[in-house]
């Protein structure tokens, strides 16, 4: 139970930190949707972002960079990101 609460606190803190970056964004921004996608899944790829949010592959990479997600694959192509 203690480990679960610790993980919940980590996810909540990470979500709050990402939501702070949304201040001053346009109302049509896809960043809030990306935040929810990242919180709901342990790892997201550009293809997942494209499918869920309806962006282009380059747009998906740009959105992931704006949120400062941790790149977990160590590759230039077929990248995947996770939360810090």
Protein backbone atom coordinates (compact mmCIF):
# COMPACT_ATOMS: atom_id res chain seq x y z
CA UNK A 1 0.00 0.00 0.00
CA UNK A 2 2.86 2.36 0.82
CA UNK A 3 4.46 1.82 -2.61
CA UNK A 4 1.15 2.49 -4.34
CA UNK A 5 0.64 5.74 -2.45
CA UNK A 6 4.18 6.83 -3.27
CA UNK A 7 3.59 6.12 -6.99
CA UNK A 8 0.27 7.99 -6.86
CA UNK A 9 1.97 11.01 -5.28
CA UNK A 10 4.70 10.92 -7.94
CA UNK A 11 2.15 10.85 -10.76
CA UNK A 12 0.08 13.62 -9.19
CA UNK A 13 3.14 15.83 -8.72
CA UNK A 14 4.32 15.22 -12.30
CA UNK A 15 0.84 16.04 -13.67
CA UNK A 16 0.71 19.28 -11.68
CA UNK A 17 4.19 20.24 -12.91
CA UNK A 18 3.17 19.65 -16.54
CA UNK A 19 -0.12 21.52 -16.09
CA UNK A 20 1.81 24.62 -14.96
CA UNK A 21 3.42 24.74 -18.41
CA UNK A 22 0.00 25.18 -19.99
CA UNK A 23 -0.48 28.72 -18.68
CA UNK A 24 -0.82 31.22 -21.49
CA UNK A 25 -1.40 28.61 -24.21
CA UNK A 26 -4.07 28.92 -26.85
CA UNK A 27 -7.38 27.28 -26.09
CA UNK A 28 -6.93 25.02 -29.12
CA UNK A 29 -3.60 23.68 -27.87
CA UNK A 30 -3.17 19.91 -27.78
CA UNK A 31 -0.88 20.06 -24.73
CA UNK A 32 -3.62 19.44 -22.14
CA UNK A 33 -4.66 16.31 -24.02
CA UNK A 34 -1.03 15.18 -24.19
CA UNK A 35 -0.65 15.65 -20.43
CA UNK A 36 -3.62 13.35 -19.81
CA UNK A 37 -2.25 10.80 -22.30
CA UNK A 38 1.18 10.78 -20.66
CA UNK A 39 -0.29 10.40 -17.17
CA UNK A 40 -2.52 7.53 -18.27
CA UNK A 41 0.28 5.51 -19.92
CA UNK A 42 3.80 4.70 -18.69
CA UNK A 43 5.41 5.31 -22.11
CA UNK A 44 4.11 7.15 -25.17
CA UNK A 45 5.52 7.15 -28.68
CA UNK A 46 5.11 9.66 -31.48
CA UNK A 47 2.78 7.21 -33.25
CA UNK A 48 0.56 6.99 -30.15
CA UNK A 49 0.43 10.78 -29.89
CA UNK A 50 -0.47 11.09 -33.58
CA UNK A 51 -3.23 8.49 -33.26
CA UNK A 52 -4.75 9.89 -30.04
CA UNK A 53 -4.40 13.64 -30.68
CA UNK A 54 -4.61 13.82 -34.47
CA UNK A 55 -1.36 15.70 -34.96
CA UNK A 56 1.46 15.16 -37.44
CA UNK A 57 4.52 13.11 -36.44
CA UNK A 58 6.65 16.28 -36.31
CA UNK A 59 3.96 17.98 -34.23
CA UNK A 60 3.92 15.06 -31.81
CA UNK A 61 7.68 15.34 -31.31
CA UNK A 62 7.36 19.09 -30.77
CA UNK A 63 4.62 18.63 -28.18
CA UNK A 64 6.68 16.05 -26.31
CA UNK A 65 9.64 18.44 -26.28
CA UNK A 66 7.47 21.26 -24.91
CA UNK A 67 6.45 19.14 -21.93
CA UNK A 68 10.08 18.16 -21.31
CA UNK A 69 9.25 14.47 -21.17
CA UNK A 70 12.08 12.01 -20.57
CA UNK A 71 13.14 10.21 -23.75
CA UNK A 72 13.43 6.54 -22.79
CA UNK A 73 14.59 4.80 -25.97
CA UNK A 74 17.89 6.55 -26.61
CA UNK A 75 17.21 6.63 -30.32
CA UNK A 76 16.72 9.32 -32.91
CA UNK A 77 13.95 7.45 -34.70
CA UNK A 78 11.01 5.61 -33.15
CA UNK A 79 11.37 7.56 -29.94
CA UNK A 80 9.27 6.99 -26.85
CA UNK A 81 8.85 9.25 -23.83
CA UNK A 82 7.92 8.81 -20.19
CA UNK A 83 7.29 11.12 -17.26
CA UNK A 84 10.07 12.31 -15.00
